[in-house]
N, C-alpha and C. Protein backbone atom coordinates (compact mmCIF):
# COMPACT_ATOMS: atom_id res chain seq x y z
N UNK A 1 77.43 43.89 91.58
CA UNK A 1 77.41 42.46 91.82
C UNK A 1 76.05 42.11 92.43
N UNK A 2 75.37 41.17 91.84
CA UNK A 2 74.06 40.80 92.37
C UNK A 2 74.21 39.96 93.64
N UNK A 3 73.12 39.81 94.37
CA UNK A 3 73.16 39.10 95.65
C UNK A 3 73.61 37.65 95.52
N UNK A 4 73.15 36.97 94.47
CA UNK A 4 73.53 35.57 94.26
C UNK A 4 75.05 35.46 94.08
N UNK A 5 75.61 36.34 93.26
CA UNK A 5 77.06 36.32 93.02
C UNK A 5 77.81 36.63 94.31
N UNK A 6 77.33 37.59 95.07
CA UNK A 6 77.98 37.97 96.33
C UNK A 6 78.00 36.80 97.31
N UNK A 7 76.90 36.08 97.43
CA UNK A 7 76.83 34.91 98.32
C UNK A 7 77.81 33.84 97.85
N UNK A 8 77.85 33.62 96.55
CA UNK A 8 78.77 32.62 95.97
C UNK A 8 80.23 33.00 96.24
N UNK A 9 80.56 34.26 96.03
CA UNK A 9 81.93 34.73 96.26
C UNK A 9 82.30 34.60 97.74
N UNK A 10 81.37 34.94 98.63
CA UNK A 10 81.63 34.81 100.06
C UNK A 10 81.95 33.37 100.43
N UNK A 11 81.20 32.42 99.89
CA UNK A 11 81.46 31.00 100.18
C UNK A 11 82.85 30.58 99.69
N UNK A 12 83.19 31.01 98.48
CA UNK A 12 84.51 30.67 97.91
C UNK A 12 85.62 31.28 98.75
N UNK A 13 85.48 32.56 99.09
CA UNK A 13 86.53 33.26 99.84
C UNK A 13 86.62 32.77 101.29
N UNK A 14 85.49 32.45 101.91
CA UNK A 14 85.53 31.90 103.27
C UNK A 14 86.33 30.60 103.28
N UNK A 15 86.05 29.74 102.34
CA UNK A 15 86.75 28.46 102.25
C UNK A 15 88.25 28.67 101.97
N UNK A 16 88.54 29.58 101.04
CA UNK A 16 89.93 29.83 100.67
C UNK A 16 90.74 30.41 101.83
N UNK A 17 90.21 31.46 102.47
CA UNK A 17 90.95 32.12 103.54
C UNK A 17 91.12 31.22 104.76
N UNK A 18 90.15 30.36 105.00
CA UNK A 18 90.23 29.41 106.12
C UNK A 18 91.33 28.37 105.89
N UNK A 19 91.45 27.91 104.64
CA UNK A 19 92.37 26.81 104.33
C UNK A 19 93.79 27.27 104.00
N UNK A 20 93.98 28.51 103.60
CA UNK A 20 95.28 28.98 103.10
C UNK A 20 96.37 29.01 104.17
N UNK A 21 96.03 29.47 105.35
CA UNK A 21 97.02 29.59 106.43
C UNK A 21 96.81 28.43 107.40
N UNK A 22 97.86 27.63 107.66
CA UNK A 22 97.71 26.52 108.60
C UNK A 22 97.27 27.02 109.98
N UNK A 23 96.48 26.23 110.66
CA UNK A 23 95.91 26.60 111.97
C UNK A 23 96.98 27.06 112.96
N UNK A 24 98.11 26.35 113.00
CA UNK A 24 99.13 26.68 113.98
C UNK A 24 99.84 28.02 113.69
N UNK A 25 99.62 28.62 112.52
CA UNK A 25 100.22 29.90 112.19
C UNK A 25 99.23 31.06 112.21
N UNK A 26 97.96 30.76 112.46
CA UNK A 26 96.93 31.80 112.38
C UNK A 26 97.03 32.84 113.49
N UNK A 27 97.85 32.61 114.49
CA UNK A 27 98.09 33.66 115.49
C UNK A 27 99.19 34.62 115.02
N UNK A 28 99.87 34.27 113.91
CA UNK A 28 100.92 35.10 113.34
C UNK A 28 100.52 35.76 112.03
N UNK A 29 99.59 35.16 111.34
CA UNK A 29 99.16 35.68 110.04
C UNK A 29 97.79 35.11 109.71
N UNK A 30 96.97 35.92 109.08
CA UNK A 30 95.69 35.43 108.61
C UNK A 30 95.30 36.20 107.36
N UNK A 31 94.40 35.61 106.61
CA UNK A 31 93.87 36.25 105.41
C UNK A 31 92.42 36.62 105.64
N UNK A 32 92.05 37.78 105.13
CA UNK A 32 90.66 38.21 105.15
C UNK A 32 90.34 38.76 103.78
N UNK A 33 89.09 39.03 103.54
CA UNK A 33 88.70 39.66 102.28
C UNK A 33 87.61 40.67 102.56
N UNK A 34 87.48 41.60 101.64
CA UNK A 34 86.44 42.61 101.73
C UNK A 34 85.75 42.70 100.37
N UNK A 35 84.44 42.81 100.40
CA UNK A 35 83.67 43.00 99.18
C UNK A 35 83.09 44.40 99.23
N UNK A 36 83.38 45.16 98.20
CA UNK A 36 82.85 46.52 98.10
C UNK A 36 82.44 46.76 96.65
N UNK A 37 81.14 46.92 96.45
CA UNK A 37 80.64 47.09 95.09
C UNK A 37 80.94 45.85 94.27
N UNK A 38 81.65 46.03 93.15
CA UNK A 38 82.02 44.91 92.29
C UNK A 38 83.47 44.46 92.51
N UNK A 39 84.06 44.85 93.63
CA UNK A 39 85.45 44.51 93.93
C UNK A 39 85.55 43.57 95.12
N UNK A 40 86.45 42.62 94.99
CA UNK A 40 86.78 41.71 96.10
C UNK A 40 88.27 41.88 96.36
N UNK A 41 88.62 42.32 97.56
CA UNK A 41 90.02 42.55 97.91
C UNK A 41 90.46 41.53 98.94
N UNK A 42 91.56 40.86 98.66
CA UNK A 42 92.16 39.89 99.57
C UNK A 42 93.28 40.60 100.33
N UNK A 43 93.26 40.48 101.66
CA UNK A 43 94.23 41.16 102.52
C UNK A 43 94.93 40.17 103.43
N UNK A 44 96.15 40.53 103.78
CA UNK A 44 96.93 39.78 104.76
C UNK A 44 96.91 40.58 106.06
N UNK A 45 96.71 39.88 107.17
CA UNK A 45 96.77 40.53 108.48
C UNK A 45 97.87 39.89 109.30
N UNK A 46 98.61 40.75 110.02
CA UNK A 46 99.65 40.29 110.94
C UNK A 46 99.53 41.08 112.23
N UNK A 47 99.98 40.50 113.34
CA UNK A 47 99.92 41.25 114.60
C UNK A 47 100.70 42.56 114.48
N UNK A 48 100.17 43.60 115.09
CA UNK A 48 100.84 44.90 115.07
C UNK A 48 102.19 44.80 115.76
N UNK A 49 103.17 45.49 115.23
CA UNK A 49 104.52 45.49 115.81
C UNK A 49 104.50 46.10 117.20
N UNK A 50 103.77 47.19 117.32
CA UNK A 50 103.61 47.84 118.62
C UNK A 50 102.14 47.89 118.98
N UNK A 51 101.87 47.62 120.21
CA UNK A 51 100.49 47.68 120.66
C UNK A 51 99.71 46.42 120.30
N UNK A 52 98.40 46.57 120.39
CA UNK A 52 97.53 45.43 120.12
C UNK A 52 96.89 45.59 118.75
N UNK A 53 96.20 44.57 118.35
CA UNK A 53 95.52 44.62 117.07
C UNK A 53 96.34 44.01 115.95
N UNK A 54 95.85 44.19 114.75
CA UNK A 54 96.46 43.61 113.57
C UNK A 54 96.67 44.70 112.51
N UNK A 55 97.73 44.54 111.74
CA UNK A 55 97.95 45.43 110.60
C UNK A 55 97.48 44.71 109.34
N UNK A 56 97.05 45.47 108.35
CA UNK A 56 96.55 44.89 107.11
C UNK A 56 97.39 45.34 105.92
N UNK A 57 97.52 44.43 104.97
CA UNK A 57 98.21 44.74 103.71
C UNK A 57 97.39 44.15 102.57
N UNK A 58 97.02 44.99 101.62
CA UNK A 58 96.28 44.51 100.46
C UNK A 58 97.18 43.63 99.62
N UNK A 59 96.65 42.47 99.20
CA UNK A 59 97.42 41.54 98.38
C UNK A 59 96.99 41.59 96.92
N UNK A 60 95.69 41.54 96.70
CA UNK A 60 95.17 41.45 95.33
C UNK A 60 93.72 41.93 95.33
N UNK A 61 93.31 42.43 94.18
CA UNK A 61 91.91 42.82 94.05
C UNK A 61 91.34 42.22 92.77
N UNK A 62 90.15 41.66 92.90
CA UNK A 62 89.41 41.12 91.77
C UNK A 62 88.27 42.09 91.48
N UNK A 63 88.15 42.48 90.21
CA UNK A 63 87.09 43.42 89.84
C UNK A 63 86.19 42.81 88.77
N UNK A 64 84.90 42.86 89.03
CA UNK A 64 83.92 42.37 88.08
C UNK A 64 83.57 43.51 87.13
N UNK A 65 83.86 43.32 85.84
CA UNK A 65 83.61 44.40 84.87
C UNK A 65 82.20 44.33 84.30
N UNK A 66 81.88 45.23 83.42
CA UNK A 66 80.55 45.32 82.84
C UNK A 66 80.15 44.14 81.97
N UNK A 67 81.12 43.34 81.53
CA UNK A 67 80.85 42.15 80.72
C UNK A 67 80.74 40.89 81.58
N UNK A 68 80.76 41.06 82.89
CA UNK A 68 80.65 39.90 83.78
C UNK A 68 81.94 39.11 83.90
N UNK A 69 83.07 39.75 83.61
CA UNK A 69 84.36 39.08 83.70
C UNK A 69 85.17 39.67 84.85
N UNK A 70 85.95 38.80 85.47
CA UNK A 70 86.80 39.20 86.59
C UNK A 70 88.19 39.56 86.09
N UNK A 71 88.66 40.74 86.50
CA UNK A 71 90.02 41.17 86.20
C UNK A 71 90.79 41.21 87.52
N UNK A 72 92.09 40.96 87.42
CA UNK A 72 92.96 40.89 88.60
C UNK A 72 93.86 42.13 88.64
N UNK A 73 93.96 42.73 89.83
CA UNK A 73 94.76 43.94 90.03
C UNK A 73 95.76 43.76 91.16
N UNK A 74 96.92 44.41 91.03
CA UNK A 74 97.92 44.44 92.10
C UNK A 74 98.08 45.88 92.56
N UNK A 75 98.56 46.06 93.80
CA UNK A 75 98.68 47.39 94.39
C UNK A 75 100.15 47.76 94.54
N UNK A 76 100.50 48.96 94.09
CA UNK A 76 101.89 49.40 94.19
C UNK A 76 102.15 50.08 95.54
N UNK A 77 103.37 50.53 95.74
CA UNK A 77 103.76 51.13 97.02
C UNK A 77 103.10 52.49 97.27
N UNK A 78 102.51 53.07 96.25
CA UNK A 78 101.79 54.34 96.39
C UNK A 78 100.29 54.11 96.53
N UNK A 79 99.90 52.87 96.81
CA UNK A 79 98.51 52.47 97.00
C UNK A 79 97.64 52.64 95.76
N UNK A 80 98.25 52.52 94.60
CA UNK A 80 97.50 52.60 93.34
C UNK A 80 97.35 51.18 92.77
N UNK A 81 96.12 50.86 92.34
CA UNK A 81 95.84 49.53 91.80
C UNK A 81 96.15 49.52 90.30
N UNK A 82 96.73 48.39 89.84
CA UNK A 82 97.08 48.21 88.42
C UNK A 82 96.55 46.87 87.94
N UNK A 83 95.95 46.87 86.77
CA UNK A 83 95.47 45.64 86.16
C UNK A 83 96.66 44.77 85.76
N UNK A 84 96.61 43.49 86.09
CA UNK A 84 97.63 42.53 85.67
C UNK A 84 97.23 42.07 84.26
N UNK A 85 97.83 42.69 83.27
CA UNK A 85 97.40 42.50 81.88
C UNK A 85 97.60 41.08 81.36
N UNK A 86 98.61 40.37 81.89
CA UNK A 86 98.83 39.02 81.38
C UNK A 86 97.96 37.97 82.07
N UNK A 87 97.08 38.39 82.96
CA UNK A 87 96.03 37.50 83.48
C UNK A 87 94.74 37.95 82.79
N UNK A 88 94.32 37.19 81.82
CA UNK A 88 93.15 37.56 81.03
C UNK A 88 91.89 37.60 81.88
N UNK A 89 91.02 38.55 81.57
CA UNK A 89 89.72 38.61 82.24
C UNK A 89 88.99 37.29 82.02
N UNK A 90 88.23 36.86 83.03
CA UNK A 90 87.59 35.56 82.96
C UNK A 90 86.27 35.62 83.73
N UNK A 91 85.25 34.98 83.22
CA UNK A 91 83.95 34.94 83.91
C UNK A 91 83.98 34.05 85.15
N UNK A 92 84.99 33.19 85.25
CA UNK A 92 85.10 32.24 86.34
C UNK A 92 85.98 32.81 87.47
N UNK A 93 85.35 33.26 88.54
CA UNK A 93 86.08 33.85 89.67
C UNK A 93 87.08 32.85 90.26
N UNK A 94 86.66 31.62 90.42
CA UNK A 94 87.53 30.61 91.02
C UNK A 94 88.79 30.39 90.20
N UNK A 95 88.68 30.47 88.89
CA UNK A 95 89.85 30.33 88.02
C UNK A 95 90.84 31.47 88.29
N UNK A 96 90.33 32.68 88.44
CA UNK A 96 91.19 33.83 88.72
C UNK A 96 91.86 33.67 90.09
N UNK A 97 91.12 33.19 91.06
CA UNK A 97 91.68 32.96 92.40
C UNK A 97 92.78 31.90 92.35
N UNK A 98 92.60 30.86 91.58
CA UNK A 98 93.62 29.81 91.45
C UNK A 98 94.90 30.36 90.82
N UNK A 99 94.76 31.22 89.82
CA UNK A 99 95.93 31.84 89.17
C UNK A 99 96.70 32.68 90.19
N UNK A 100 95.97 33.47 90.97
CA UNK A 100 96.60 34.30 92.00
C UNK A 100 97.26 33.41 93.06
N UNK A 101 96.59 32.35 93.46
CA UNK A 101 97.13 31.45 94.48
C UNK A 101 98.46 30.84 94.03
N UNK A 102 98.55 30.47 92.77
CA UNK A 102 99.78 29.88 92.23
C UNK A 102 100.87 30.94 92.09
N UNK A 103 100.50 32.15 91.71
CA UNK A 103 101.40 33.32 91.63
C UNK A 103 102.78 32.97 91.11
N UNK A 104 102.84 32.47 89.91
CA UNK A 104 104.10 32.02 89.32
C UNK A 104 105.14 33.13 89.16
N UNK A 105 104.71 34.39 89.20
CA UNK A 105 105.65 35.52 89.00
C UNK A 105 105.99 36.25 90.29
N UNK A 106 105.37 35.88 91.41
CA UNK A 106 105.69 36.54 92.68
C UNK A 106 105.12 37.94 92.82
N UNK A 107 103.99 38.19 92.20
CA UNK A 107 103.37 39.52 92.27
C UNK A 107 102.63 39.71 93.60
N UNK A 108 101.95 38.69 94.05
CA UNK A 108 101.04 38.83 95.18
C UNK A 108 101.60 38.32 96.49
N UNK A 109 102.30 37.21 96.44
CA UNK A 109 102.81 36.59 97.67
C UNK A 109 104.31 36.85 97.71
N UNK A 110 104.74 37.73 98.55
CA UNK A 110 106.16 38.01 98.54
C UNK A 110 106.69 38.49 99.77
């Protein structure tokens, strides 16, 4: 992922994660993201059950392929990522994020 794309993705994800969880609930749950190579992973954080700090759970991963298209992946209980085949690869990252946000099948938000 080139620097321009990374800056653009950071702006999109900063805005999304800030707006997704209402302010009054952000002490109970928050969203963060991580960019590593050509992957953008969206995570949910909740206060740890015991002790201090927050626990993290991967929600979805967006991967930029060699053709400049974003593919969407879900993570199973064995921590293995799987491509969501019925979400077509798309050059528009924001379009992929909107599809995940709507999550009509309950894959990501559950």
